[in-house]
């Protein structure tokens, strides 16, 4: 298991233990507990605990600084609306795949639809589109696919 997977799983376990869907951690203490450098904690937070994946990460710097990770509770419709709002005008392939993974984890969309979404946002689907317009078209297509799930 990669260290980033271990850090993410550790944070997820902390969230599962907390009924209020929120956990506060100290980055340096967590790094010492896990045996990694603090920058690896930052990497995991910015790549796996994003708003698109249903998380809010807040940090307080200074002497008693902390990082608060909150898992947002959404019903299916509000979760999909939240995703659509956060997509904006462009969507790259990596972010789209991350959102699809999150939709799968939350069981917000059926498996066949997830497969269609993955095909629709793949780079292969946009080979005839000029490079400068691909992310814009991908965002539009993906948002329209999400609308059908409401």
N, C-alpha and C. Protein backbone atom coordinates (compact mmCIF):
# COMPACT_ATOMS: atom_id res chain seq x y z
N UNK A 1 0.85 -1.17 0.00
CA UNK A 1 0.00 0.00 0.00
C UNK A 1 0.89 1.24 0.00
N UNK A 2 0.57 2.19 -0.88
CA UNK A 2 1.33 3.44 -0.94
C UNK A 2 1.03 4.28 0.29
N UNK A 3 1.97 5.14 0.65
CA UNK A 3 1.81 5.97 1.83
C UNK A 3 0.59 6.89 1.69
N UNK A 4 0.33 7.39 0.48
CA UNK A 4 -0.84 8.26 0.29
C UNK A 4 -2.13 7.49 0.54
N UNK A 5 -2.17 6.22 0.14
CA UNK A 5 -3.36 5.39 0.42
C UNK A 5 -3.51 5.18 1.92
N UNK A 6 -2.40 4.95 2.59
CA UNK A 6 -2.44 4.73 4.04
C UNK A 6 -2.94 5.98 4.77
N UNK A 7 -2.44 7.15 4.36
CA UNK A 7 -2.86 8.41 4.98
C UNK A 7 -4.35 8.63 4.75
N UNK A 8 -4.80 8.43 3.51
CA UNK A 8 -6.22 8.63 3.19
C UNK A 8 -7.09 7.67 3.99
N UNK A 9 -6.69 6.41 4.07
CA UNK A 9 -7.48 5.43 4.83
C UNK A 9 -7.51 5.78 6.31
N UNK A 10 -6.41 6.27 6.84
CA UNK A 10 -6.35 6.66 8.25
C UNK A 10 -7.34 7.81 8.52
N UNK A 11 -7.34 8.80 7.64
CA UNK A 11 -8.26 9.93 7.80
C UNK A 11 -9.71 9.46 7.66
N UNK A 12 -9.97 8.57 6.70
CA UNK A 12 -11.33 8.05 6.53
C UNK A 12 -11.78 7.28 7.77
N UNK A 13 -10.87 6.53 8.39
CA UNK A 13 -11.21 5.83 9.63
C UNK A 13 -11.55 6.82 10.74
N UNK A 14 -10.79 7.90 10.83
CA UNK A 14 -11.09 8.93 11.83
C UNK A 14 -12.48 9.53 11.59
N UNK A 15 -12.80 9.76 10.33
CA UNK A 15 -14.13 10.30 10.00
C UNK A 15 -15.24 9.32 10.35
N UNK A 16 -14.99 8.03 10.11
CA UNK A 16 -15.99 7.01 10.43
C UNK A 16 -16.25 6.94 11.93
N UNK A 17 -15.21 7.16 12.73
CA UNK A 17 -15.34 7.11 14.19
C UNK A 17 -16.11 8.30 14.73
N UNK A 18 -16.08 9.42 14.02
CA UNK A 18 -16.76 10.63 14.46
C UNK A 18 -18.16 10.69 13.88
N UNK A 19 -19.16 10.75 14.72
CA UNK A 19 -20.53 10.78 14.25
C UNK A 19 -20.91 12.10 13.61
N UNK A 20 -20.20 13.16 13.94
CA UNK A 20 -20.56 14.47 13.38
C UNK A 20 -19.93 14.70 12.00
N UNK A 21 -19.31 13.67 11.42
CA UNK A 21 -18.75 13.72 10.07
C UNK A 21 -17.63 14.76 9.92
N UNK A 22 -16.96 15.08 11.02
CA UNK A 22 -15.88 16.05 10.99
C UNK A 22 -14.76 15.59 11.91
N UNK A 23 -13.53 15.88 11.53
CA UNK A 23 -12.39 15.51 12.36
C UNK A 23 -11.34 16.62 12.27
N UNK A 24 -10.70 16.90 13.39
CA UNK A 24 -9.60 17.87 13.42
C UNK A 24 -8.31 17.11 13.66
N UNK A 25 -7.32 17.45 12.85
CA UNK A 25 -6.01 16.81 12.99
C UNK A 25 -4.93 17.89 13.01
N UNK A 26 -3.80 17.55 13.56
CA UNK A 26 -2.61 18.40 13.47
C UNK A 26 -1.69 17.71 12.48
N UNK A 27 -1.33 18.43 11.44
CA UNK A 27 -0.57 17.86 10.33
C UNK A 27 0.71 17.19 10.80
N UNK A 28 1.50 17.86 11.61
CA UNK A 28 2.78 17.30 12.06
C UNK A 28 2.57 16.07 12.93
N UNK A 29 1.57 16.11 13.81
CA UNK A 29 1.29 14.95 14.66
C UNK A 29 0.85 13.75 13.82
N UNK A 30 -0.01 14.00 12.83
CA UNK A 30 -0.45 12.91 11.96
C UNK A 30 0.72 12.35 11.17
N UNK A 31 1.59 13.22 10.68
CA UNK A 31 2.77 12.76 9.94
C UNK A 31 3.66 11.90 10.83
N UNK A 32 3.85 12.30 12.08
CA UNK A 32 4.65 11.50 13.02
C UNK A 32 3.99 10.17 13.32
N UNK A 33 2.68 10.18 13.51
CA UNK A 33 1.94 8.94 13.80
C UNK A 33 2.08 7.95 12.66
N UNK A 34 1.95 8.44 11.44
CA UNK A 34 1.98 7.56 10.27
C UNK A 34 3.41 7.25 9.84
N UNK A 35 4.32 8.17 10.12
CA UNK A 35 5.71 7.97 9.71
C UNK A 35 5.98 8.49 8.32
N UNK A 36 5.47 9.68 8.04
CA UNK A 36 5.71 10.30 6.75
C UNK A 36 6.05 11.77 6.96
N UNK A 37 6.31 12.48 5.88
CA UNK A 37 6.59 13.90 6.00
C UNK A 37 5.28 14.68 5.87
N UNK A 38 5.19 15.85 6.50
CA UNK A 38 3.94 16.62 6.46
C UNK A 38 3.44 16.95 5.05
N UNK A 39 4.35 17.11 4.11
CA UNK A 39 3.91 17.43 2.74
C UNK A 39 3.08 16.30 2.14
N UNK A 40 3.30 15.05 2.59
CA UNK A 40 2.48 13.94 2.10
C UNK A 40 1.05 14.07 2.62
N UNK A 41 0.89 14.60 3.81
CA UNK A 41 -0.44 14.86 4.35
C UNK A 41 -1.13 15.90 3.47
N UNK A 42 -0.40 16.96 3.13
CA UNK A 42 -0.95 18.01 2.25
C UNK A 42 -1.39 17.43 0.92
N UNK A 43 -0.55 16.58 0.33
CA UNK A 43 -0.88 15.98 -0.96
C UNK A 43 -2.18 15.20 -0.88
N UNK A 44 -2.33 14.39 0.15
CA UNK A 44 -3.55 13.59 0.30
C UNK A 44 -4.76 14.49 0.47
N UNK A 45 -4.63 15.52 1.29
CA UNK A 45 -5.76 16.42 1.52
C UNK A 45 -6.19 17.12 0.24
N UNK A 46 -5.23 17.56 -0.57
CA UNK A 46 -5.58 18.30 -1.79
C UNK A 46 -6.02 17.39 -2.93
N UNK A 47 -5.68 16.12 -2.88
CA UNK A 47 -6.04 15.23 -3.98
C UNK A 47 -7.21 14.30 -3.67
N UNK A 48 -7.44 14.00 -2.40
CA UNK A 48 -8.47 13.01 -2.08
C UNK A 48 -9.62 13.54 -1.23
N UNK A 49 -9.46 14.72 -0.69
CA UNK A 49 -10.50 15.29 0.17
C UNK A 49 -10.92 16.65 -0.40
N UNK A 50 -11.42 16.61 -1.61
CA UNK A 50 -11.78 17.82 -2.34
C UNK A 50 -13.28 18.08 -2.26
N UNK A 51 -13.70 19.30 -2.58
CA UNK A 51 -15.15 19.57 -2.61
C UNK A 51 -15.89 18.68 -3.60
N UNK A 52 -15.24 18.36 -4.73
CA UNK A 52 -15.87 17.48 -5.72
C UNK A 52 -16.14 16.10 -5.15
N UNK A 53 -15.35 15.70 -4.18
CA UNK A 53 -15.52 14.39 -3.56
C UNK A 53 -16.36 14.47 -2.29
N UNK A 54 -16.89 15.66 -2.01
CA UNK A 54 -17.80 15.81 -0.88
C UNK A 54 -17.15 16.18 0.44
N UNK A 55 -15.97 16.79 0.40
CA UNK A 55 -15.26 17.15 1.63
C UNK A 55 -14.97 18.65 1.66
N UNK A 56 -14.94 19.18 2.86
CA UNK A 56 -14.51 20.55 3.10
C UNK A 56 -13.29 20.48 4.01
N UNK A 57 -12.19 21.08 3.58
CA UNK A 57 -10.96 21.08 4.38
C UNK A 57 -10.65 22.52 4.76
N UNK A 58 -10.57 22.76 6.07
CA UNK A 58 -10.24 24.08 6.60
C UNK A 58 -8.96 23.95 7.40
N UNK A 59 -8.14 25.00 7.37
CA UNK A 59 -6.92 24.94 8.17
C UNK A 59 -6.77 26.22 8.98
N UNK A 60 -6.20 26.05 10.15
CA UNK A 60 -5.89 27.15 11.06
C UNK A 60 -4.40 27.08 11.32
N UNK A 61 -3.70 28.10 10.93
CA UNK A 61 -2.25 28.12 11.14
C UNK A 61 -1.93 28.75 12.48
N UNK A 62 -0.73 28.54 12.92
CA UNK A 62 -0.29 29.15 14.17
C UNK A 62 -0.07 28.12 15.26
N UNK A 63 0.16 28.60 16.47
CA UNK A 63 0.53 27.76 17.61
C UNK A 63 -0.38 26.56 17.82
N UNK A 64 -1.67 26.79 17.87
CA UNK A 64 -2.60 25.68 18.08
C UNK A 64 -3.27 25.28 16.79
N UNK A 65 -2.56 25.42 15.68
CA UNK A 65 -3.15 25.18 14.37
C UNK A 65 -3.67 23.77 14.18
N UNK A 66 -4.63 23.64 13.30
CA UNK A 66 -5.24 22.35 13.03
C UNK A 66 -5.73 22.32 11.59
N UNK A 67 -6.10 21.15 11.16
CA UNK A 67 -6.78 20.96 9.88
C UNK A 67 -8.09 20.27 10.20
N UNK A 68 -9.19 20.86 9.78
CA UNK A 68 -10.51 20.26 10.00
C UNK A 68 -11.01 19.72 8.66
N UNK A 69 -11.38 18.44 8.67
CA UNK A 69 -11.92 17.79 7.48
C UNK A 69 -13.36 17.44 7.79
N UNK A 70 -14.27 17.92 6.95
CA UNK A 70 -15.68 17.66 7.14
C UNK A 70 -16.23 16.95 5.92
N UNK A 71 -16.92 15.86 6.16
CA UNK A 71 -17.58 15.14 5.08
C UNK A 71 -18.98 15.71 4.95
N UNK A 72 -19.28 16.24 3.79
CA UNK A 72 -20.59 16.83 3.55
C UNK A 72 -21.61 15.71 3.36
N UNK A 73 -22.75 15.88 3.99
CA UNK A 73 -23.84 14.92 3.83
C UNK A 73 -24.83 15.51 2.83
N UNK A 74 -25.03 14.80 1.76
CA UNK A 74 -25.94 15.25 0.72
C UNK A 74 -26.90 14.12 0.37
N UNK A 75 -28.11 14.49 -0.03
CA UNK A 75 -28.93 13.49 -0.69
C UNK A 75 -28.48 13.48 -2.15
N UNK A 76 -28.94 12.54 -2.92
CA UNK A 76 -28.46 12.37 -4.28
C UNK A 76 -28.59 13.66 -5.10
N UNK A 77 -29.75 14.27 -5.07
CA UNK A 77 -29.99 15.45 -5.90
C UNK A 77 -29.09 16.62 -5.49
N UNK A 78 -29.00 16.88 -4.20
CA UNK A 78 -28.18 18.01 -3.78
C UNK A 78 -26.69 17.73 -4.01
N UNK A 79 -26.28 16.46 -3.92
CA UNK A 79 -24.89 16.11 -4.20
C UNK A 79 -24.57 16.36 -5.67
N UNK A 80 -25.45 15.95 -6.55
CA UNK A 80 -25.23 16.17 -7.98
C UNK A 80 -25.22 17.66 -8.29
N UNK A 81 -26.12 18.42 -7.68
CA UNK A 81 -26.14 19.88 -7.89
C UNK A 81 -24.84 20.50 -7.37
N UNK A 82 -24.35 20.01 -6.25
CA UNK A 82 -23.09 20.50 -5.69
C UNK A 82 -21.95 20.26 -6.68
N UNK A 83 -21.91 19.09 -7.26
CA UNK A 83 -20.86 18.76 -8.23
C UNK A 83 -20.97 19.69 -9.44
N UNK A 84 -22.18 19.84 -9.97
CA UNK A 84 -22.38 20.68 -11.15
C UNK A 84 -21.93 22.11 -10.88
N UNK A 85 -22.24 22.61 -9.71
CA UNK A 85 -21.86 23.98 -9.34
C UNK A 85 -20.33 24.12 -9.27
N UNK A 86 -19.65 23.09 -8.81
CA UNK A 86 -18.19 23.15 -8.65
C UNK A 86 -17.42 22.89 -9.93
N UNK A 87 -18.05 22.36 -10.94
CA UNK A 87 -17.32 22.04 -12.18
C UNK A 87 -16.86 23.30 -12.90
N UNK A 88 -17.69 24.30 -13.00
CA UNK A 88 -17.30 25.51 -13.71
C UNK A 88 -17.38 25.32 -15.22
N UNK A 89 -16.58 26.11 -15.95
CA UNK A 89 -16.65 26.11 -17.42
C UNK A 89 -15.75 25.07 -18.07
N UNK A 90 -14.78 24.55 -17.32
CA UNK A 90 -13.87 23.56 -17.89
C UNK A 90 -13.74 22.37 -16.93
N UNK A 91 -13.38 21.23 -17.50
CA UNK A 91 -13.22 20.01 -16.71
C UNK A 91 -12.14 19.15 -17.36
N UNK A 92 -11.05 18.91 -16.64
CA UNK A 92 -10.00 18.05 -17.19
C UNK A 92 -10.34 16.59 -16.90
N UNK A 93 -9.66 15.70 -17.59
CA UNK A 93 -9.95 14.27 -17.48
C UNK A 93 -9.74 13.74 -16.07
N UNK A 94 -8.65 14.14 -15.43
CA UNK A 94 -8.35 13.63 -14.08
C UNK A 94 -9.43 14.03 -13.08
N UNK A 95 -9.88 15.27 -13.15
CA UNK A 95 -10.93 15.72 -12.23
C UNK A 95 -12.23 15.00 -12.52
N UNK A 96 -12.54 14.81 -13.79
CA UNK A 96 -13.76 14.09 -14.17
C UNK A 96 -13.73 12.66 -13.62
N UNK A 97 -12.60 11.99 -13.75
CA UNK A 97 -12.48 10.62 -13.23
C UNK A 97 -12.64 10.61 -11.72
N UNK A 98 -12.10 11.60 -11.06
CA UNK A 98 -12.23 11.70 -9.61
C UNK A 98 -13.69 11.89 -9.20
N UNK A 99 -14.41 12.72 -9.93
CA UNK A 99 -15.83 12.93 -9.64
C UNK A 99 -16.61 11.65 -9.88
N UNK A 100 -16.32 10.96 -10.96
CA UNK A 100 -17.01 9.70 -11.26
C UNK A 100 -16.75 8.69 -10.16
N UNK A 101 -15.52 8.63 -9.68
CA UNK A 101 -15.19 7.73 -8.57
C UNK A 101 -16.01 8.09 -7.33
N UNK A 102 -16.11 9.37 -7.06
CA UNK A 102 -16.89 9.83 -5.91
C UNK A 102 -18.37 9.48 -6.06
N UNK A 103 -18.91 9.66 -7.25
CA UNK A 103 -20.31 9.28 -7.51
C UNK A 103 -20.51 7.79 -7.29
N UNK A 104 -19.52 7.01 -7.67
CA UNK A 104 -19.58 5.56 -7.46
C UNK A 104 -19.55 5.22 -5.98
N UNK A 105 -18.62 5.84 -5.24
CA UNK A 105 -18.49 5.57 -3.81
C UNK A 105 -19.77 5.91 -3.06
N UNK A 106 -20.42 6.98 -3.46
CA UNK A 106 -21.64 7.42 -2.78
C UNK A 106 -22.89 6.75 -3.36
N UNK A 107 -22.69 5.90 -4.36
CA UNK A 107 -23.79 5.19 -5.03
C UNK A 107 -24.88 6.16 -5.48
N UNK A 108 -24.45 7.31 -6.00
CA UNK A 108 -25.38 8.34 -6.45
C UNK A 108 -25.85 8.11 -7.88
N UNK A 109 -25.10 7.28 -8.62
CA UNK A 109 -25.41 7.02 -10.02
C UNK A 109 -25.22 5.52 -10.27
N UNK A 110 -26.06 4.96 -11.13
CA UNK A 110 -25.98 3.52 -11.42
C UNK A 110 -24.69 3.19 -12.19
N UNK A 111 -24.25 1.96 -12.05
CA UNK A 111 -22.99 1.52 -12.63
C UNK A 111 -22.93 1.73 -14.14
N UNK A 112 -23.98 1.38 -14.87
CA UNK A 112 -23.96 1.55 -16.32
C UNK A 112 -23.81 3.02 -16.71
N UNK A 113 -24.45 3.90 -15.95
CA UNK A 113 -24.34 5.33 -16.21
C UNK A 113 -22.93 5.81 -15.91
N UNK A 114 -22.33 5.31 -14.85
CA UNK A 114 -20.94 5.67 -14.53
C UNK A 114 -20.00 5.27 -15.66
N UNK A 115 -20.22 4.10 -16.23
CA UNK A 115 -19.38 3.65 -17.35
C UNK A 115 -19.56 4.57 -18.56
N UNK A 116 -20.80 4.97 -18.83
CA UNK A 116 -21.06 5.89 -19.94
C UNK A 116 -20.40 7.24 -19.68
N UNK A 117 -20.46 7.70 -18.43
CA UNK A 117 -19.82 8.97 -18.08
C UNK A 117 -18.31 8.88 -18.29
N UNK A 118 -17.72 7.78 -17.86
CA UNK A 118 -16.27 7.60 -18.02
C UNK A 118 -15.88 7.64 -19.49
N UNK A 119 -16.68 7.00 -20.33
CA UNK A 119 -16.39 7.02 -21.77
C UNK A 119 -16.57 8.43 -22.34
N UNK A 120 -17.58 9.14 -21.86
CA UNK A 120 -17.88 10.47 -22.39
C UNK A 120 -16.84 11.52 -22.01
N UNK A 121 -16.13 11.31 -20.92
CA UNK A 121 -15.13 12.31 -20.49
C UNK A 121 -13.70 11.90 -20.84
N UNK A 122 -13.54 10.72 -21.43
CA UNK A 122 -12.19 10.24 -21.75
C UNK A 122 -11.57 11.08 -22.86
N UNK A 123 -10.26 11.12 -22.88
CA UNK A 123 -9.56 11.87 -23.93
C UNK A 123 -9.86 11.32 -25.32
N UNK A 124 -10.10 10.02 -25.42
CA UNK A 124 -10.38 9.42 -26.72
C UNK A 124 -11.65 9.98 -27.35
N UNK A 125 -12.59 10.42 -26.53
CA UNK A 125 -13.85 10.96 -27.05
C UNK A 125 -13.68 12.33 -27.68
N UNK A 126 -12.54 12.97 -27.47
CA UNK A 126 -12.35 14.35 -27.92
C UNK A 126 -11.19 14.51 -28.89
N UNK A 127 -10.79 13.45 -29.54
CA UNK A 127 -9.63 13.53 -30.43
C UNK A 127 -9.87 14.45 -31.63
N UNK A 128 -11.13 14.61 -32.07
CA UNK A 128 -11.41 15.49 -33.21
C UNK A 128 -11.65 16.94 -32.78
N UNK A 129 -11.66 17.18 -31.48
CA UNK A 129 -11.89 18.53 -30.95
C UNK A 129 -10.53 19.19 -30.72
N UNK A 130 -10.38 20.45 -31.12
CA UNK A 130 -9.11 21.14 -30.86
C UNK A 130 -8.75 21.11 -29.37
N UNK A 131 -7.49 20.92 -29.08
CA UNK A 131 -7.00 20.78 -27.70
C UNK A 131 -7.51 21.90 -26.79
N UNK A 132 -7.53 23.12 -27.30
CA UNK A 132 -7.93 24.28 -26.49
C UNK A 132 -9.39 24.24 -26.06
N UNK A 133 -10.22 23.46 -26.75
CA UNK A 133 -11.66 23.42 -26.46
C UNK A 133 -12.10 22.15 -25.73
N UNK A 134 -11.22 21.18 -25.58
CA UNK A 134 -11.61 19.88 -25.02
C UNK A 134 -12.17 19.97 -23.61
N UNK A 135 -11.49 20.67 -22.72
CA UNK A 135 -11.95 20.74 -21.32
C UNK A 135 -13.27 21.49 -21.20
N UNK A 136 -13.48 22.46 -22.07
CA UNK A 136 -14.74 23.20 -22.07
C UNK A 136 -15.88 22.30 -22.54
N UNK A 137 -15.67 21.56 -23.61
CA UNK A 137 -16.70 20.65 -24.11
C UNK A 137 -16.95 19.52 -23.12
N UNK A 138 -15.88 19.00 -22.52
CA UNK A 138 -16.01 17.93 -21.53
C UNK A 138 -16.88 18.38 -20.36
N UNK A 139 -16.70 19.60 -19.89
CA UNK A 139 -17.51 20.14 -18.78
C UNK A 139 -18.98 20.21 -19.19
N UNK A 140 -19.24 20.68 -20.38
CA UNK A 140 -20.61 20.80 -20.85
C UNK A 140 -21.28 19.43 -20.97
N UNK A 141 -20.59 18.48 -21.58
CA UNK A 141 -21.14 17.13 -21.74
C UNK A 141 -21.40 16.50 -20.37
N UNK A 142 -20.44 16.62 -19.47
CA UNK A 142 -20.57 15.99 -18.16
C UNK A 142 -21.71 16.60 -17.36
N UNK A 143 -21.83 17.92 -17.40
CA UNK A 143 -22.94 18.57 -16.70
C UNK A 143 -24.29 18.10 -17.24
N UNK A 144 -24.37 17.96 -18.56
CA UNK A 144 -25.62 17.49 -19.15
C UNK A 144 -25.93 16.05 -18.75
N UNK A 145 -24.90 15.24 -18.62
CA UNK A 145 -25.12 13.86 -18.15
C UNK A 145 -25.60 13.87 -16.70
N UNK A 146 -25.04 14.76 -15.90
CA UNK A 146 -25.46 14.85 -14.49
C UNK A 146 -26.90 15.31 -14.37
N UNK A 147 -27.31 16.25 -15.24
CA UNK A 147 -28.69 16.74 -15.20
C UNK A 147 -29.68 15.60 -15.38
N UNK A 148 -29.33 14.63 -16.20
CA UNK A 148 -30.26 13.51 -16.43
C UNK A 148 -30.44 12.64 -15.19
N UNK A 149 -29.56 12.82 -14.20
CA UNK A 149 -29.65 12.02 -12.98
C UNK A 149 -30.50 12.68 -11.89
N UNK A 150 -30.98 13.89 -12.15
CA UNK A 150 -31.80 14.59 -11.16
C UNK A 150 -33.25 14.16 -11.24
